[in-house]
Protein backbone atom coordinates (compact mmCIF):
# COMPACT_ATOMS: atom_id res chain seq x y z
CA MET A 1 -0.50 29.49 -6.74
CA THR A 2 1.12 27.34 -9.45
CA PRO A 3 3.21 24.26 -8.62
CA HIS A 4 6.72 24.48 -9.99
CA ASN A 5 7.47 22.15 -12.91
CA ASP A 6 3.80 21.09 -12.81
CA ILE A 7 4.81 18.53 -10.16
CA VAL A 8 2.50 17.78 -7.22
CA LEU A 9 3.55 15.18 -4.65
CA PHE A 10 0.70 13.60 -2.65
CA HIS A 11 2.10 12.17 0.59
CA TYR A 12 2.19 12.30 4.36
CA THR A 13 5.37 13.31 6.09
CA PHE A 14 6.19 10.09 7.98
CA SER A 15 5.74 7.73 5.02
CA PRO A 16 9.09 5.94 4.46
CA PHE A 17 8.27 5.51 0.78
CA ALA A 18 7.47 9.20 0.38
CA LYS A 19 10.82 10.08 1.91
CA ARG A 20 12.50 8.36 -1.04
CA ILE A 21 10.91 10.93 -3.34
CA VAL A 22 11.42 13.91 -1.03
CA TRP A 23 15.11 13.04 -0.67
CA TYR A 24 15.52 12.62 -4.40
CA LEU A 25 13.89 15.96 -5.20
CA ALA A 26 16.08 17.69 -2.60
CA PHE A 27 19.29 16.15 -3.96
CA ARG A 28 18.28 17.15 -7.49
CA GLY A 29 17.10 20.64 -6.51
CA ILE A 30 13.88 20.07 -8.45
CA GLU A 31 11.05 22.47 -7.65
CA TYR A 32 7.71 20.90 -6.79
CA ALA A 33 4.53 21.32 -4.81
CA GLN A 34 3.10 18.99 -2.21
CA CYS A 35 -0.43 18.12 -1.16
CA LEU A 36 -0.40 16.52 2.27
CA GLN A 37 -2.68 13.53 2.75
CA PRO A 38 -4.07 11.63 5.73
CA PRO A 39 -2.19 8.43 6.59
CA THR A 40 -5.38 6.38 6.21
CA LEU A 41 -8.21 6.20 3.71
CA PRO A 42 -10.25 7.95 2.50
CA ARG A 43 -8.07 10.39 0.57
CA GLU A 44 -10.62 12.62 -1.07
CA ASP A 45 -8.09 14.61 -3.10
CA VAL A 46 -6.73 11.50 -4.77
CA ASN A 47 -10.22 10.13 -5.27
CA ALA A 48 -11.29 13.38 -6.97
CA LEU A 49 -8.64 12.73 -9.60
CA GLY A 50 -10.24 9.39 -10.45
CA VAL A 51 -7.41 7.38 -8.88
CA LYS A 52 -8.25 4.20 -6.92
CA TYR A 53 -4.64 3.26 -6.11
CA ARG A 54 -4.41 3.53 -2.34
CA ARG A 55 -0.71 3.73 -1.52
CA ILE A 56 1.40 6.80 -0.82
CA PRO A 57 3.13 8.60 -2.43
CA ILE A 58 1.46 9.54 -5.68
CA LEU A 59 3.01 12.18 -7.92
CA SER A 60 1.43 14.11 -10.76
CA ILE A 61 3.10 15.97 -13.60
CA GLY A 62 0.32 17.81 -15.37
CA ARG A 63 -2.52 15.36 -15.93
CA ASP A 64 -0.19 12.36 -15.77
CA ILE A 65 -0.40 10.64 -12.39
CA TYR A 66 2.41 8.31 -11.38
CA CYS A 67 1.98 5.53 -8.82
CA ASP A 68 4.75 3.61 -7.01
CA THR A 69 8.09 5.14 -6.02
CA ARG A 70 10.05 2.95 -8.42
CA LEU A 71 8.24 4.44 -11.39
CA ILE A 72 8.26 7.97 -9.96
CA LEU A 73 12.04 7.92 -9.57
CA ASP A 74 12.60 6.46 -13.04
CA LYS A 75 10.37 9.13 -14.60
CA HIS A 76 12.31 11.95 -12.95
CA GLU A 77 15.57 10.51 -14.21
CA GLU A 78 14.08 10.58 -17.72
CA ARG A 79 12.37 13.96 -17.46
CA PHE A 80 15.31 15.78 -15.84
CA PRO A 81 18.37 14.06 -17.33
CA SER A 82 20.85 16.84 -16.59
CA GLY A 83 22.42 16.06 -13.24
CA LYS A 84 20.51 12.81 -12.76
CA LEU A 85 21.41 10.64 -9.76
CA GLY A 86 21.32 7.31 -11.57
CA ALA A 87 24.44 5.46 -12.68
CA SER A 88 25.69 5.49 -16.27
CA GLU A 89 27.84 2.35 -16.32
CA PRO A 90 26.03 -1.00 -16.85
CA GLU A 91 27.54 -2.61 -13.74
CA GLN A 92 26.54 0.29 -11.52
CA LYS A 93 23.06 0.38 -13.09
CA ALA A 94 22.67 -3.28 -12.20
CA ILE A 95 23.77 -2.68 -8.60
CA THR A 96 21.32 0.22 -8.32
CA LYS A 97 18.38 -1.84 -9.58
CA LEU A 98 19.26 -4.87 -7.46
CA LEU A 99 19.42 -2.69 -4.35
CA GLU A 100 16.01 -1.25 -5.16
CA LYS A 101 14.61 -4.75 -5.56
CA TRP A 102 16.27 -5.91 -2.34
CA THR A 103 15.01 -3.10 -0.12
CA VAL A 104 11.51 -2.72 -1.56
CA ASP A 105 10.64 -6.42 -1.85
CA GLY A 106 12.94 -7.96 0.75
CA VAL A 107 13.96 -5.59 3.53
CA PHE A 108 10.91 -3.37 3.93
CA PRO A 109 8.28 -6.14 4.39
CA ARG A 110 10.31 -7.37 7.36
CA ALA A 111 10.92 -3.83 8.59
CA ALA A 112 7.16 -3.21 8.61
CA GLN A 113 6.77 -6.16 10.98
CA LEU A 114 9.01 -4.41 13.51
CA ILE A 115 6.67 -1.55 14.33
CA PRO A 116 6.60 -1.75 18.17
CA PRO A 117 3.32 -3.11 19.57
CA ALA A 118 3.41 -0.26 22.11
CA MET A 119 3.29 2.40 19.41
CA PRO A 120 0.27 4.65 20.16
CA VAL A 121 -1.03 4.54 16.58
CA LEU A 122 -1.84 0.85 17.06
CA ASN A 123 -4.49 1.92 19.59
CA ASP A 124 -6.41 3.57 16.76
CA PRO A 125 -8.90 1.05 15.27
CA LYS A 126 -9.16 3.10 12.07
CA PHE A 127 -5.41 2.92 11.48
CA VAL A 128 -5.26 -0.79 12.27
CA GLN A 129 -8.15 -1.60 9.93
CA ASP A 130 -6.64 0.55 7.20
CA ARG A 131 -3.29 -1.25 7.37
CA GLU A 132 -4.95 -4.65 7.45
CA ASP A 133 -6.81 -3.72 4.27
CA MET A 134 -3.57 -2.61 2.64
CA MET A 135 -1.24 -5.40 3.74
CA GLY A 136 -3.60 -8.36 3.86
CA ARG A 137 -2.50 -9.48 7.33
CA SER A 138 -3.48 -8.87 10.93
CA TRP A 139 -2.22 -5.70 12.60
CA ALA A 140 -3.47 -6.70 16.03
CA LYS A 141 -0.88 -6.08 18.72
CA SER A 142 -0.75 -9.78 19.54
CA ALA A 143 -0.05 -10.67 15.89
CA ILE A 144 2.69 -8.04 15.66
CA ALA A 145 4.32 -9.29 18.86
CA GLU A 146 4.17 -12.87 17.65
CA GLY A 147 5.90 -12.02 14.39
CA ARG A 148 8.68 -9.85 15.84
CA PRO A 149 11.28 -12.55 16.63
CA GLU A 150 11.28 -13.90 13.09
CA ALA A 151 11.35 -10.39 11.60
CA LEU A 152 14.27 -9.44 13.88
CA ALA A 153 16.21 -12.49 12.72
CA HIS A 154 15.76 -11.46 9.10
CA MET A 155 16.60 -7.84 9.83
CA ARG A 156 19.82 -8.79 11.59
CA GLU A 157 20.79 -10.71 8.47
CA PHE A 158 20.05 -7.62 6.33
CA PHE A 159 22.13 -5.38 8.60
CA GLN A 160 25.00 -7.86 8.55
CA LEU A 161 24.92 -8.13 4.77
CA PHE A 162 25.08 -4.35 4.45
CA GLU A 163 27.86 -4.11 7.04
CA SER A 164 30.05 -6.91 5.70
CA THR A 165 29.72 -6.41 1.94
CA ILE A 166 28.59 -3.07 0.54
CA LEU A 167 30.14 -0.96 3.30
CA ALA A 168 32.96 -3.34 4.25
CA ASP A 169 35.78 -1.38 2.59
CA GLY A 170 34.88 1.84 4.43
CA ARG A 171 33.43 3.68 1.44
CA ASP A 172 31.14 6.65 2.08
CA TRP A 173 28.57 5.82 -0.59
CA VAL A 174 27.32 2.62 -2.17
CA LEU A 175 28.92 3.18 -5.58
CA ASN A 176 32.06 4.69 -4.04
CA THR A 177 31.13 8.12 -5.34
CA GLU A 178 31.81 11.56 -3.89
CA LYS A 179 28.11 12.25 -3.27
CA PRO A 180 24.97 10.18 -2.70
CA THR A 181 23.44 8.65 -5.81
CA LEU A 182 20.17 6.92 -6.62
CA ALA A 183 21.75 3.71 -5.35
CA ASP A 184 22.06 5.27 -1.89
CA ILE A 185 18.40 6.29 -1.83
CA HIS A 186 17.48 2.71 -2.73
CA ALA A 187 19.83 1.25 -0.14
CA VAL A 188 19.33 3.38 2.94
CA TRP A 189 15.63 4.09 3.32
CA PRO A 190 14.30 1.09 5.34
CA PHE A 191 17.37 1.15 7.62
CA HIS A 192 16.99 4.90 8.07
CA TRP A 193 13.29 4.45 8.89
CA LEU A 194 13.83 1.70 11.45
CA SER A 195 16.78 3.33 13.18
CA ALA A 196 14.66 6.43 13.87
CA MET A 197 11.72 4.43 15.26
CA LYS A 198 11.95 4.16 19.03
CA GLY A 199 11.54 0.59 20.21
CA ALA A 200 11.76 -1.03 16.78
CA LEU A 201 15.30 -2.41 17.08
CA PRO A 202 16.51 -3.85 20.41
CA PRO A 203 19.93 -2.28 21.18
CA THR A 204 21.38 -5.57 22.41
CA ILE A 205 21.15 -6.89 18.84
CA PHE A 206 21.17 -3.71 16.76
CA GLY A 207 23.38 -1.37 18.77
CA ARG A 208 25.88 0.89 17.06
CA ASP A 209 28.70 -1.36 18.23
CA ASN A 210 27.11 -4.26 16.38
CA PHE A 211 26.86 -2.48 13.04
CA PRO A 212 29.07 0.62 13.18
CA LYS A 213 29.41 1.02 9.40
CA VAL A 214 25.66 0.85 8.82
CA TYR A 215 24.89 3.49 11.45
CA ALA A 216 27.72 5.74 10.25
CA TYR A 217 26.29 5.44 6.74
CA ILE A 218 22.78 6.36 7.95
CA ASP A 219 24.19 9.38 9.81
CA ARG A 220 26.18 10.43 6.76
CA PHE A 221 23.14 10.18 4.55
CA SER A 222 20.98 12.19 6.98
CA LYS A 223 23.59 14.94 7.01
CA ALA A 224 23.71 14.98 3.21
CA VAL A 225 19.91 15.30 3.06
CA LYS A 226 19.91 18.25 5.46
CA GLU A 227 22.58 19.99 3.42
CA ALA A 228 20.63 19.40 0.21
CA GLU A 229 17.41 20.70 1.74
CA GLN A 230 19.13 23.93 2.73
CA THR A 231 19.98 24.75 -0.88
CA ALA A 232 16.99 23.14 -2.67
CA PRO A 233 13.99 25.26 -3.70
CA LYS A 234 11.40 25.52 -0.97
CA CYS A 235 8.47 23.19 -1.48
CA THR A 236 5.08 24.82 -2.09
CA THR A 237 2.18 23.32 -0.09
CA LEU A 238 -1.20 23.15 -1.82
CA LYS A 239 -4.57 22.48 -0.27
CA GLY A 240 -6.46 19.57 -1.75
CA ALA A 241 -8.87 21.65 -3.82
CA GLU A 242 -5.99 23.72 -5.21
CA ALA A 243 -4.03 20.66 -6.24
CA VAL A 244 -7.00 18.94 -7.85
CA LYS A 245 -8.00 22.08 -9.75
CA HIS A 246 -4.49 22.63 -11.02
CA ILE A 247 -4.11 19.05 -12.22
CA SER A 248 -7.53 18.89 -13.86
CA GLN A 249 -6.76 22.08 -15.81
CA ALA A 250 -3.21 21.14 -16.79
CA GLU A 251 -1.95 19.54 -19.98
CA PHE A 252 -0.54 16.04 -20.28
CA ALA A 253 3.15 15.62 -19.54
CA GLU A 254 3.20 12.59 -21.84
CA SER A 255 0.80 12.98 -24.74
CA ASP A 256 2.02 10.03 -26.83
CA GLY A 257 1.41 6.44 -25.88
CA THR A 258 2.14 3.18 -27.67
CA VAL A 259 1.25 -0.40 -26.85
CA ASP A 260 3.96 -3.00 -27.31
CA GLU A 261 2.64 -5.42 -29.93
CA LYS A 262 5.02 -8.10 -28.68
CA ASP A 263 3.85 -7.88 -25.08
CA PRO A 264 2.81 -11.35 -23.84
CA LEU A 265 -0.57 -10.04 -22.64
CA GLY A 266 -1.65 -9.26 -26.20
CA LEU A 267 -3.56 -6.12 -25.21
CA LYS A 268 -4.66 -3.42 -27.66
CA LYS A 269 -4.67 0.35 -27.31
CA GLY A 270 -8.05 1.66 -26.16
CA GLN A 271 -9.00 -1.67 -24.59
CA ASP A 272 -10.76 -1.55 -21.22
CA VAL A 273 -8.36 -2.76 -18.54
CA GLU A 274 -7.89 -2.78 -14.80
CA SER A 275 -4.54 -2.67 -13.03
CA TRP A 276 -3.57 -3.17 -9.41
CA PRO A 277 -0.55 -3.97 -7.18
CA ILE A 278 -0.16 -7.57 -6.05
CA ASP A 279 2.15 -7.05 -3.08
CA SER A 280 -0.01 -4.66 -1.03
CA GLY A 281 -3.02 -2.46 -1.59
CA PHE A 282 -4.50 -5.11 -3.88
CA ASN A 283 -8.10 -4.37 -2.92
CA HIS A 284 -8.02 -1.13 -4.90
CA ARG A 285 -7.91 -1.26 -8.69
CA ASP A 286 -7.64 1.43 -11.32
CA ARG A 287 -9.79 0.97 -14.41
CA GLY A 288 -9.78 2.72 -17.75
CA GLN A 289 -8.77 2.50 -21.38
CA LEU A 290 -5.28 1.27 -22.22
CA PHE A 291 -3.19 4.21 -23.42
CA ALA A 292 0.33 2.79 -23.31
CA LEU A 293 2.04 -0.48 -22.44
CA THR A 294 5.80 -1.01 -22.35
CA GLN A 295 8.16 -3.36 -20.55
CA GLN A 296 8.36 -0.84 -17.71
CA GLU A 297 4.86 0.59 -17.32
CA LEU A 298 1.16 0.57 -18.06
CA VAL A 299 -0.75 3.78 -18.68
CA LEU A 300 -4.54 3.90 -18.63
CA THR A 301 -6.90 6.76 -19.34
CA THR A 302 -9.70 7.54 -16.93
CA GLN A 303 -11.68 10.61 -16.01
CA ALA A 304 -11.20 12.93 -13.05
CA LYS A 305 -14.30 13.45 -10.92
CA VAL A 306 -13.52 17.17 -10.73
CA GLY A 307 -13.44 18.87 -14.10
CA HIS A 308 -14.33 15.59 -15.85
CA ARG A 309 -11.22 15.70 -17.99
CA ASP A 310 -9.15 12.68 -18.91
CA VAL A 311 -6.13 11.84 -16.79
CA HIS A 312 -3.42 9.27 -17.40
CA ILE A 313 -2.64 6.89 -14.54
CA HIS A 314 0.79 5.26 -14.72
CA HIS A 315 1.59 1.95 -13.01
CA PRO A 316 4.90 0.06 -13.16
CA ARG A 317 4.88 -3.49 -14.46
CA THR A 318 6.83 -4.76 -11.45
CA ASN A 319 4.48 -6.27 -8.84
CA PHE A 320 1.38 -5.08 -10.71
CA ARG A 321 -1.21 -7.12 -12.56
CA ILE A 322 -3.19 -6.07 -15.62
CA ARG A 323 -6.49 -7.61 -16.61
CA ALA A 324 -8.72 -6.92 -19.59
CA ASP A 325 -11.53 -9.40 -18.95
CA TYR A 326 -12.69 -7.98 -15.61
CA ASP A 327 -16.34 -8.03 -14.60
CA PRO A 328 -17.56 -4.42 -14.07
CA ASP A 329 -20.38 -5.70 -11.86
CA ILE A 330 -17.96 -7.00 -9.23
CA VAL A 331 -17.82 -4.68 -6.25
CA THR A 332 -14.40 -3.75 -4.96
CA ASP A 333 -13.63 -3.27 -1.26
CA GLU A 334 -13.61 0.50 -1.74
CA GLU A 335 -17.01 0.50 -3.46
CA ALA A 336 -18.43 -1.79 -0.79
CA LYS A 337 -17.46 0.60 1.98
CA GLN A 338 -19.06 3.50 0.14
CA SER A 339 -22.25 1.62 -0.75
CA PRO A 340 -23.18 -1.38 1.44
CA ARG A 341 -26.49 -1.69 -0.44
CA LYS A 342 -24.65 -2.14 -3.71
CA ALA A 343 -22.43 -4.74 -2.07
CA SER A 344 -25.46 -6.66 -0.81
CA SER A 345 -27.15 -6.63 -4.22
CA THR A 346 -24.10 -8.19 -5.82
CA SER A 347 -23.46 -10.87 -3.22
CA HIS A 348 -23.61 -13.52 -5.94
CA THR A 349 -20.21 -12.33 -7.12
CA MET A 350 -18.45 -13.06 -3.84
CA THR A 351 -17.07 -16.42 -4.85
CA LYS A 352 -15.75 -15.08 -8.13
CA ARG A 353 -14.24 -12.03 -6.42
CA SER A 354 -12.57 -14.23 -3.82
CA SER A 355 -10.98 -16.25 -6.60
CA GLN A 356 -9.80 -13.05 -8.28
CA LEU A 357 -8.25 -11.83 -5.05
CA ARG A 358 -6.35 -15.09 -4.68
CA ASP A 359 -5.22 -14.77 -8.29
CA ALA A 360 -3.99 -11.25 -7.51
CA MET A 361 -1.54 -12.45 -4.90
CA PRO A 362 1.96 -13.67 -5.65
CA ASN A 363 2.70 -17.34 -5.14
CA GLY A 364 3.62 -18.19 -1.60
CA ILE A 365 1.88 -15.40 0.31
CA HIS A 366 -1.70 -16.71 0.42
CA HIS A 367 -1.15 -17.49 4.09
CA LEU A 368 -1.00 -13.73 4.71
CA VAL A 369 -4.66 -13.28 3.78
CA PRO A 370 -6.62 -12.58 7.00
CA ARG A 371 -9.28 -15.12 7.89
CA ARG A 372 -11.52 -12.44 9.37
CA PRO A 373 -14.39 -11.73 6.92
CA HIS A 374 -14.73 -8.32 5.30
CA PRO A 375 -17.48 -6.20 6.91
CA HIS A 376 -19.46 -6.10 3.65
CA LEU A 377 -18.14 -8.89 1.46
CA GLN A 378 -16.31 -12.04 2.41
CA LEU A 379 -13.69 -11.35 -0.23
CA ARG A 380 -10.62 -12.93 1.31
CA SER A 381 -10.15 -16.59 0.65
CA GLN A 382 -8.90 -19.22 3.04
CA PRO A 383 -5.24 -20.21 2.59
CA ARG A 384 -4.59 -22.75 -0.11
CA LYS A 385 -3.66 -26.20 1.06
CA THR A 386 -0.31 -27.28 -0.30
């Protein structure tokens, strides 16, 4: 069984980020395969490919593995230019990118705080611990309940902005087009996700009468997705071993890589580097040799655990950090869980690792770091005093 277009999407079906990619592929009619993953770590299929990045979705094209939905969408626009969903005019391109920035970095973090405390999944200690590791904040029911009023205030502001500006003139789609575009995928997804989550939005504040244009837009988008899915090629589902075998035996989708000599980091091709996200999932870092570095992305070469062939891991530059002078003896959270003995033998690195973790976080969010110590290493620092 061969994945169409050499594309394999690793995701789980209720991931709001994964839906951005699934919707895009349906609108484009691009054939692909999927490999369904558990919603929590470990993800053995991803690990077998040599990838430490812990978020979902991940998408591979051949032996190139793309992390983060922003990069995945941009790559598909480049790889399949005929019929692309992105705008062509500079003004519309700017609106599209600003909407992506707004929803990914502004709206969704608040939306994630509105998961109802009564949701059954919050009774699962494994899920709660997994999300605390990823987000760097408490997912205890009491903490979620405490944060809801503030998150609701922000979300009402987001709904009102959408209602009174972008959709104010009664247009069907963000760029006033005949069909949904990439701008609509960027704009709708956190609102779509929340509106479908029972108990997330109190109807007295977020009822359809309060924001009729926003809800009509969400309904319109959902209908467009269903219509697109009816005509799009049917997705092939691969088991983990099938997907890993296919990828490890495939060729590279991007065989050429250059390093920008003018990049402020001053890195050189072939240099050992590590790269990781700084907004969430920052306890899991990919390491390898620098293959390419541009204004938009970093590409490093590492080796798959199955087949032992090189793979290219692609990270965007946005909200990711790259480091060349890392200490290979420092144990990451993931390694600590797999080998407590190794973690104990390297306890002298805890202070240094704690400093690195603080360095990994954007300014202003150190207060989100949980004060509860890690079960193997006390990696998380106390909040900075300002």
